[in-house]
């Protein structure tokens, strides 16, 4: 079974995968945290949390990855630290 990183990395264009500068830019775009004010961050977190239901036809592993991503990005906020 492929890792999440490998699953993200392998479909990239081979030219990007072999070019550190290009790969860095793709990574920064994909994994950059949003730069919003606290109210916007809270609204985004609430919307994502309210839509955390498993999608029709979505594998449980995909759903759990989304939940992990949510927790990684909003774990502190959802625990009342906002």
PDB file of N, CA and C in Angstrom:
ATOM      1  N   UNK A   1       0.850  -1.185   0.000  1.00  0.00           N
ATOM      2  CA  UNK A   1       0.000   0.000   0.000  1.00  0.00           C
ATOM      3  C   UNK A   1       0.898   1.251   0.000  1.00  0.00           C
ATOM      4  N   UNK A   2       0.577   2.180  -0.846  1.00  0.00           N
ATOM      5  CA  UNK A   2       1.368   3.407  -0.974  1.00  0.00           C
ATOM      6  C   UNK A   2       1.071   4.350   0.194  1.00  0.00           C
ATOM      7  N   UNK A   3       2.075   5.086   0.610  1.00  0.00           N
ATOM      8  CA  UNK A   3       1.893   6.082   1.666  1.00  0.00           C
ATOM      9  C   UNK A   3       1.130   7.283   1.096  1.00  0.00           C
ATOM     10  N   UNK A   4       0.627   8.108   1.979  1.00  0.00           N
ATOM     11  CA  UNK A   4      -0.085   9.304   1.530  1.00  0.00           C
ATOM     12  C   UNK A   4       0.849  10.220   0.754  1.00  0.00           C
ATOM     13  N   UNK A   5       2.086  10.332   1.220  1.00  0.00           N
ATOM     14  CA  UNK A   5       3.060  11.182   0.526  1.00  0.00           C
ATOM     15  C   UNK A   5       3.340  10.642  -0.869  1.00  0.00           C
ATOM     16  N   UNK A   6       3.509   9.335  -0.980  1.00  0.00           N
ATOM     17  CA  UNK A   6       3.772   8.710  -2.273  1.00  0.00           C
ATOM     18  C   UNK A   6       2.569   8.869  -3.203  1.00  0.00           C
ATOM     19  N   UNK A   7       1.377   8.731  -2.655  1.00  0.00           N
ATOM     20  CA  UNK A   7       0.153   8.897  -3.446  1.00  0.00           C
ATOM     21  C   UNK A   7       0.048  10.320  -3.990  1.00  0.00           C
ATOM     22  N   UNK A   8       0.513  11.308  -3.223  1.00  0.00           N
ATOM     23  CA  UNK A   8       0.501  12.690  -3.692  1.00  0.00           C
ATOM     24  C   UNK A   8       1.630  12.930  -4.686  1.00  0.00           C
ATOM     25  N   UNK A   9       2.804  12.375  -4.413  1.00  0.00           N
ATOM     26  CA  UNK A   9       4.001  12.654  -5.194  1.00  0.00           C
ATOM     27  C   UNK A   9       4.002  11.992  -6.572  1.00  0.00           C
ATOM     28  N   UNK A  10       3.622  10.736  -6.659  1.00  0.00           N
ATOM     29  CA  UNK A  10       3.750   9.968  -7.900  1.00  0.00           C
ATOM     30  C   UNK A  10       3.012  10.560  -9.099  1.00  0.00           C
ATOM     31  N   UNK A  11       1.800  11.113  -8.945  1.00  0.00           N
ATOM     32  CA  UNK A  11       1.107  11.670 -10.122  1.00  0.00           C
ATOM     33  C   UNK A  11       1.692  12.981 -10.657  1.00  0.00           C
ATOM     34  N   UNK A  12       2.617  13.582  -9.893  1.00  0.00           N
ATOM     35  CA  UNK A  12       3.210  14.840 -10.371  1.00  0.00           C
ATOM     36  C   UNK A  12       3.981  14.602 -11.663  1.00  0.00           C
ATOM     37  N   UNK A  13       4.039  15.628 -12.468  1.00  0.00           N
ATOM     38  CA  UNK A  13       4.802  15.574 -13.711  1.00  0.00           C
ATOM     39  C   UNK A  13       6.251  15.190 -13.390  1.00  0.00           C
ATOM     40  N   UNK A  14       6.838  14.280 -14.160  1.00  0.00           N
ATOM     41  CA  UNK A  14       8.222  13.860 -13.901  1.00  0.00           C
ATOM     42  C   UNK A  14       9.214  15.028 -13.871  1.00  0.00           C
ATOM     43  N   UNK A  15       8.968  16.059 -14.681  1.00  0.00           N
ATOM     44  CA  UNK A  15       9.851  17.228 -14.665  1.00  0.00           C
ATOM     45  C   UNK A  15       9.796  17.944 -13.320  1.00  0.00           C
ATOM     46  N   UNK A  16       8.621  17.996 -12.718  1.00  0.00           N
ATOM     47  CA  UNK A  16       8.467  18.624 -11.401  1.00  0.00           C
ATOM     48  C   UNK A  16       9.141  17.767 -10.336  1.00  0.00           C
ATOM     49  N   UNK A  17       8.925  16.466 -10.411  1.00  0.00           N
ATOM     50  CA  UNK A  17       9.492  15.560  -9.398  1.00  0.00           C
ATOM     51  C   UNK A  17      11.016  15.605  -9.380  1.00  0.00           C
ATOM     52  N   UNK A  18      11.629  15.891 -10.514  1.00  0.00           N
ATOM     53  CA  UNK A  18      13.090  15.881 -10.580  1.00  0.00           C
ATOM     54  C   UNK A  18      13.711  17.282 -10.446  1.00  0.00           C
ATOM     55  N   UNK A  19      12.878  18.301 -10.247  1.00  0.00           N
ATOM     56  CA  UNK A  19      13.365  19.685 -10.136  1.00  0.00           C
ATOM     57  C   UNK A  19      13.001  20.236  -8.765  1.00  0.00           C
ATOM     58  N   UNK A  20      14.020  20.407  -7.910  1.00  0.00           N
ATOM     59  CA  UNK A  20      13.754  20.830  -6.536  1.00  0.00           C
ATOM     60  C   UNK A  20      12.986  22.146  -6.483  1.00  0.00           C
ATOM     61  N   UNK A  21      13.340  23.123  -7.296  1.00  0.00           N
ATOM     62  CA  UNK A  21      12.665  24.418  -7.257  1.00  0.00           C
ATOM     63  C   UNK A  21      11.185  24.269  -7.620  1.00  0.00           C
ATOM     64  N   UNK A  22      10.906  23.530  -8.675  1.00  0.00           N
ATOM     65  CA  UNK A  22       9.516  23.299  -9.074  1.00  0.00           C
ATOM     66  C   UNK A  22       8.751  22.499  -8.036  1.00  0.00           C
ATOM     67  N   UNK A  23       9.390  21.478  -7.489  1.00  0.00           N
ATOM     68  CA  UNK A  23       8.751  20.650  -6.467  1.00  0.00           C
ATOM     69  C   UNK A  23       8.452  21.471  -5.217  1.00  0.00           C
ATOM     70  N   UNK A  24       9.384  22.326  -4.855  1.00  0.00           N
ATOM     71  CA  UNK A  24       9.182  23.192  -3.694  1.00  0.00           C
ATOM     72  C   UNK A  24       7.960  24.084  -3.887  1.00  0.00           C
ATOM     73  N   UNK A  25       7.823  24.673  -5.058  1.00  0.00           N
ATOM     74  CA  UNK A  25       6.677  25.544  -5.338  1.00  0.00           C
ATOM     75  C   UNK A  25       5.362  24.765  -5.273  1.00  0.00           C
ATOM     76  N   UNK A  26       5.349  23.568  -5.850  1.00  0.00           N
ATOM     77  CA  UNK A  26       4.141  22.740  -5.814  1.00  0.00           C
ATOM     78  C   UNK A  26       3.789  22.387  -4.372  1.00  0.00           C
ATOM     79  N   UNK A  27       4.791  22.036  -3.583  1.00  0.00           N
ATOM     80  CA  UNK A  27       4.565  21.710  -2.167  1.00  0.00           C
ATOM     81  C   UNK A  27       4.016  22.912  -1.412  1.00  0.00           C
ATOM     82  N   UNK A  28       4.607  24.067  -1.626  1.00  0.00           N
ATOM     83  CA  UNK A  28       4.155  25.266  -0.924  1.00  0.00           C
ATOM     84  C   UNK A  28       2.714  25.617  -1.283  1.00  0.00           C
ATOM     85  N   UNK A  29       2.363  25.475  -2.551  1.00  0.00           N
ATOM     86  CA  UNK A  29       0.978  25.745  -2.956  1.00  0.00           C
ATOM     87  C   UNK A  29       0.025  24.735  -2.339  1.00  0.00           C
ATOM     88  N   UNK A  30       0.403  23.461  -2.363  1.00  0.00           N
ATOM     89  CA  UNK A  30      -0.482  22.396  -1.877  1.00  0.00           C
ATOM     90  C   UNK A  30      -0.643  22.405  -0.363  1.00  0.00           C
ATOM     91  N   UNK A  31       0.426  22.667   0.369  1.00  0.00           N
ATOM     92  CA  UNK A  31       0.396  22.499   1.814  1.00  0.00           C
ATOM     93  C   UNK A  31       0.464  23.801   2.600  1.00  0.00           C
ATOM     94  N   UNK A  32       0.390  24.924   1.912  1.00  0.00           N
ATOM     95  CA  UNK A  32       0.437  26.214   2.598  1.00  0.00           C
ATOM     96  C   UNK A  32      -0.802  26.392   3.471  1.00  0.00           C
ATOM     97  N   UNK A  33      -0.599  26.931   4.646  1.00  0.00           N
ATOM     98  CA  UNK A  33      -1.719  27.235   5.523  1.00  0.00           C
ATOM     99  C   UNK A  33      -2.353  28.542   5.074  1.00  0.00           C
ATOM    100  N   UNK A  34      -3.662  28.619   5.154  1.00  0.00           N
ATOM    101  CA  UNK A  34      -4.325  29.865   4.763  1.00  0.00           C
ATOM    102  C   UNK A  34      -3.938  31.005   5.704  1.00  0.00           C
ATOM    103  N   UNK A  35      -3.821  32.192   5.127  1.00  0.00           N
ATOM    104  CA  UNK A  35      -3.496  33.368   5.928  1.00  0.00           C
ATOM    105  C   UNK A  35      -4.761  34.218   5.991  1.00  0.00           C
ATOM    106  N   UNK A  36      -5.575  33.937   6.982  1.00  0.00           N
ATOM    107  CA  UNK A  36      -6.845  34.632   7.159  1.00  0.00           C
ATOM    108  C   UNK A  36      -6.932  35.146   8.593  1.00  0.00           C
ATOM    109  N   UNK A  37      -7.850  36.078   8.799  1.00  0.00           N
ATOM    110  CA  UNK A  37      -8.079  36.539  10.159  1.00  0.00           C
ATOM    111  C   UNK A  37      -8.756  35.420  10.962  1.00  0.00           C
ATOM    112  N   UNK A  38      -8.797  35.570  12.268  1.00  0.00           N
ATOM    113  CA  UNK A  38      -9.323  34.523  13.146  1.00  0.00           C
ATOM    114  C   UNK A  38     -10.781  34.199  12.847  1.00  0.00           C
ATOM    115  N   UNK A  39     -11.593  35.197  12.551  1.00  0.00           N
ATOM    116  CA  UNK A  39     -13.009  34.946  12.268  1.00  0.00           C
ATOM    117  C   UNK A  39     -13.163  34.082  11.023  1.00  0.00           C
ATOM    118  N   UNK A  40     -12.382  34.374   9.982  1.00  0.00           N
ATOM    119  CA  UNK A  40     -12.427  33.582   8.756  1.00  0.00           C
ATOM    120  C   UNK A  40     -11.924  32.168   9.018  1.00  0.00           C
ATOM    121  N   UNK A  41     -10.851  32.036   9.799  1.00  0.00           N
ATOM    122  CA  UNK A  41     -10.336  30.712  10.143  1.00  0.00           C
ATOM    123  C   UNK A  41     -11.379  29.903  10.906  1.00  0.00           C
ATOM    124  N   UNK A  42     -12.058  30.549  11.842  1.00  0.00           N
ATOM    125  CA  UNK A  42     -13.075  29.864  12.631  1.00  0.00           C
ATOM    126  C   UNK A  42     -14.232  29.425  11.745  1.00  0.00           C
ATOM    127  N   UNK A  43     -14.670  30.300  10.853  1.00  0.00           N
ATOM    128  CA  UNK A  43     -15.756  29.950   9.938  1.00  0.00           C
ATOM    129  C   UNK A  43     -15.368  28.777   9.050  1.00  0.00           C
ATOM    130  N   UNK A  44     -14.135  28.798   8.506  1.00  0.00           N
ATOM    131  CA  UNK A  44     -13.656  27.699   7.665  1.00  0.00           C
ATOM    132  C   UNK A  44     -13.619  26.397   8.465  1.00  0.00           C
ATOM    133  N   UNK A  45     -13.106  26.459   9.676  1.00  0.00           N
ATOM    134  CA  UNK A  45     -13.027  25.278  10.517  1.00  0.00           C
ATOM    135  C   UNK A  45     -14.421  24.716  10.788  1.00  0.00           C
ATOM    136  N   UNK A  46     -15.367  25.568  11.120  1.00  0.00           N
ATOM    137  CA  UNK A  46     -16.730  25.115  11.402  1.00  0.00           C
ATOM    138  C   UNK A  46     -17.370  24.479  10.177  1.00  0.00           C
ATOM    139  N   UNK A  47     -17.177  25.072   9.004  1.00  0.00           N
ATOM    140  CA  UNK A  47     -17.729  24.507   7.774  1.00  0.00           C
ATOM    141  C   UNK A  47     -17.130  23.131   7.491  1.00  0.00           C
ATOM    142  N   UNK A  48     -15.820  23.025   7.606  1.00  0.00           N
ATOM    143  CA  UNK A  48     -15.171  21.734   7.378  1.00  0.00           C
ATOM    144  C   UNK A  48     -15.636  20.691   8.384  1.00  0.00           C
ATOM    145  N   UNK A  49     -15.719  21.085   9.644  1.00  0.00           N
ATOM    146  CA  UNK A  49     -16.150  20.157  10.682  1.00  0.00           C
ATOM    147  C   UNK A  49     -17.575  19.694  10.433  1.00  0.00           C
ATOM    148  N   UNK A  50     -18.451  20.615  10.051  1.00  0.00           N
ATOM    149  CA  UNK A  50     -19.850  20.264   9.802  1.00  0.00           C
ATOM    150  C   UNK A  50     -20.025  19.387   8.566  1.00  0.00           C
ATOM    151  N   UNK A  51     -19.024  19.366   7.682  1.00  0.00           N
ATOM    152  CA  UNK A  51     -19.086  18.541   6.471  1.00  0.00           C
ATOM    153  C   UNK A  51     -18.198  17.308   6.558  1.00  0.00           C
ATOM    154  N   UNK A  52     -17.885  16.863   7.751  1.00  0.00           N
ATOM    155  CA  UNK A  52     -16.980  15.737   7.921  1.00  0.00           C
ATOM    156  C   UNK A  52     -17.646  14.377   7.740  1.00  0.00           C
ATOM    157  N   UNK A  53     -18.904  14.344   7.340  1.00  0.00           N
ATOM    158  CA  UNK A  53     -19.556  13.062   7.089  1.00  0.00           C
ATOM    159  C   UNK A  53     -18.826  12.309   5.985  1.00  0.00           C
ATOM    160  N   UNK A  54     -18.843  11.004   6.092  1.00  0.00           N
ATOM    161  CA  UNK A  54     -18.259  10.175   5.042  1.00  0.00           C
ATOM    162  C   UNK A  54     -19.112  10.332   3.787  1.00  0.00           C
ATOM    163  N   UNK A  55     -18.471  10.623   2.668  1.00  0.00           N
ATOM    164  CA  UNK A  55     -19.170  10.828   1.417  1.00  0.00           C
ATOM    165  C   UNK A  55     -19.701   9.532   0.825  1.00  0.00           C
ATOM    166  N   UNK A  56     -20.748   9.643   0.048  1.00  0.00           N
ATOM    167  CA  UNK A  56     -21.316   8.491  -0.634  1.00  0.00           C
ATOM    168  C   UNK A  56     -20.256   7.881  -1.544  1.00  0.00           C
ATOM    169  N   UNK A  57     -19.945   6.631  -1.347  1.00  0.00           N
ATOM    170  CA  UNK A  57     -18.941   5.953  -2.146  1.00  0.00           C
ATOM    171  C   UNK A  57     -17.511   6.224  -1.693  1.00  0.00           C
ATOM    172  N   UNK A  58     -17.345   7.021  -0.651  1.00  0.00           N
ATOM    173  CA  UNK A  58     -16.005   7.320  -0.150  1.00  0.00           C
ATOM    174  C   UNK A  58     -15.537   6.174   0.749  1.00  0.00           C
ATOM    175  N   UNK A  59     -14.332   5.702   0.496  1.00  0.00           N
ATOM    176  CA  UNK A  59     -13.771   4.640   1.328  1.00  0.00           C
ATOM    177  C   UNK A  59     -13.518   5.175   2.728  1.00  0.00           C
ATOM    178  N   UNK A  60     -13.632   4.289   3.711  1.00  0.00           N
ATOM    179  CA  UNK A  60     -13.401   4.704   5.085  1.00  0.00           C
ATOM    180  C   UNK A  60     -11.981   5.239   5.259  1.00  0.00           C
ATOM    181  N   UNK A  61     -11.020   4.663   4.552  1.00  0.00           N
ATOM    182  CA  UNK A  61      -9.640   5.144   4.662  1.00  0.00           C
ATOM    183  C   UNK A  61      -9.516   6.578   4.144  1.00  0.00           C
ATOM    184  N   UNK A  62     -10.255   6.912   3.091  1.00  0.00           N
ATOM    185  CA  UNK A  62     -10.235   8.281   2.563  1.00  0.00           C
ATOM    186  C   UNK A  62     -10.881   9.244   3.558  1.00  0.00           C
ATOM    187  N   UNK A  63     -11.983   8.796   4.143  1.00  0.00           N
ATOM    188  CA  UNK A  63     -12.659   9.619   5.141  1.00  0.00           C
ATOM    189  C   UNK A  63     -11.741   9.881   6.336  1.00  0.00           C
ATOM    190  N   UNK A  64     -11.059   8.847   6.800  1.00  0.00           N
ATOM    191  CA  UNK A  64     -10.159   9.000   7.947  1.00  0.00           C
ATOM    192  C   UNK A  64      -8.974   9.897   7.620  1.00  0.00           C
ATOM    193  N   UNK A  65      -8.496   9.862   6.383  1.00  0.00           N
ATOM    194  CA  UNK A  65      -7.429  10.780   5.974  1.00  0.00           C
ATOM    195  C   UNK A  65      -7.919  12.227   6.034  1.00  0.00           C
ATOM    196  N   UNK A  66      -9.152  12.458   5.588  1.00  0.00           N
ATOM    197  CA  UNK A  66      -9.709  13.816   5.673  1.00  0.00           C
ATOM    198  C   UNK A  66      -9.831  14.257   7.125  1.00  0.00           C
ATOM    199  N   UNK A  67     -10.254  13.338   7.982  1.00  0.00           N
ATOM    200  CA  UNK A  67     -10.369  13.656   9.401  1.00  0.00           C
ATOM    201  C   UNK A  67      -8.998  13.967  10.000  1.00  0.00           C
ATOM    202  N   UNK A  68      -7.993  13.186   9.617  1.00  0.00           N
ATOM    203  CA  UNK A  68      -6.626  13.460  10.085  1.00  0.00           C
ATOM    204  C   UNK A  68      -6.144  14.819   9.596  1.00  0.00           C
ATOM    205  N   UNK A  69      -6.422  15.147   8.331  1.00  0.00           N
ATOM    206  CA  UNK A  69      -6.028  16.443   7.781  1.00  0.00           C
ATOM    207  C   UNK A  69      -6.714  17.579   8.540  1.00  0.00           C
ATOM    208  N   UNK A  70      -7.993  17.379   8.839  1.00  0.00           N
ATOM    209  CA  UNK A  70      -8.736  18.385   9.598  1.00  0.00           C
ATOM    210  C   UNK A  70      -8.096  18.583  10.963  1.00  0.00           C
ATOM    211  N   UNK A  71      -7.819  17.489  11.646  1.00  0.00           N
ATOM    212  CA  UNK A  71      -7.226  17.580  12.978  1.00  0.00           C
ATOM    213  C   UNK A  71      -5.842  18.234  12.925  1.00  0.00           C
ATOM    214  N   UNK A  72      -5.062  17.904  11.909  1.00  0.00           N
ATOM    215  CA  UNK A  72      -3.727  18.487  11.785  1.00  0.00           C
ATOM    216  C   UNK A  72      -3.804  20.000  11.597  1.00  0.00           C
ATOM    217  N   UNK A  73      -4.814  20.464  10.886  1.00  0.00           N
ATOM    218  CA  UNK A  73      -4.917  21.897  10.615  1.00  0.00           C
ATOM    219  C   UNK A  73      -5.676  22.656  11.695  1.00  0.00           C
ATOM    220  N   UNK A  74      -6.677  22.020  12.291  1.00  0.00           N
ATOM    221  CA  UNK A  74      -7.555  22.754  13.205  1.00  0.00           C
ATOM    222  C   UNK A  74      -7.645  22.148  14.602  1.00  0.00           C
ATOM    223  N   UNK A  75      -6.793  21.218  14.925  1.00  0.00           N
ATOM    224  CA  UNK A  75      -6.875  20.533  16.204  1.00  0.00           C
ATOM    225  C   UNK A  75      -6.913  21.461  17.408  1.00  0.00           C
ATOM    226  N   UNK A  76      -6.047  22.459  17.429  1.00  0.00           N
ATOM    227  CA  UNK A  76      -6.002  23.384  18.562  1.00  0.00           C
ATOM    228  C   UNK A  76      -7.292  24.200  18.627  1.00  0.00           C
ATOM    229  N   UNK A  77      -7.729  24.728  17.495  1.00  0.00           N
ATOM    230  CA  UNK A  77      -8.928  25.561  17.465  1.00  0.00           C
ATOM    231  C   UNK A  77     -10.173  24.782  17.885  1.00  0.00           C
ATOM    232  N   UNK A  78     -10.304  23.539  17.432  1.00  0.00           N
ATOM    233  CA  UNK A  78     -11.519  22.795  17.763  1.00  0.00           C
ATOM    234  C   UNK A  78     -11.576  22.421  19.234  1.00  0.00           C
ATOM    235  N   UNK A  79     -10.425  22.516  19.916  1.00  0.00           N
ATOM    236  CA  UNK A  79     -10.401  22.220  21.349  1.00  0.00           C
ATOM    237  C   UNK A  79     -10.626  23.463  22.193  1.00  0.00           C
ATOM    238  N   UNK A  80     -11.068  24.547  21.567  1.00  0.00           N
ATOM    239  CA  UNK A  80     -11.459  25.738  22.310  1.00  0.00           C
ATOM    240  C   UNK A  80     -10.370  26.745  22.571  1.00  0.00           C
ATOM    241  N   UNK A  81      -9.276  26.697  21.826  1.00  0.00           N
ATOM    242  CA  UNK A  81      -8.174  27.628  22.056  1.00  0.00           C
ATOM    243  C   UNK A  81      -8.281  28.894  21.228  1.00  0.00           C
ATOM    244  N   UNK A  82      -9.369  29.077  20.507  1.00  0.00           N
ATOM    245  CA  UNK A  82      -9.522  30.283  19.689  1.00  0.00           C
ATOM    246  C   UNK A  82      -9.871  31.457  20.580  1.00  0.00           C
TER     247      UNK A  82
END
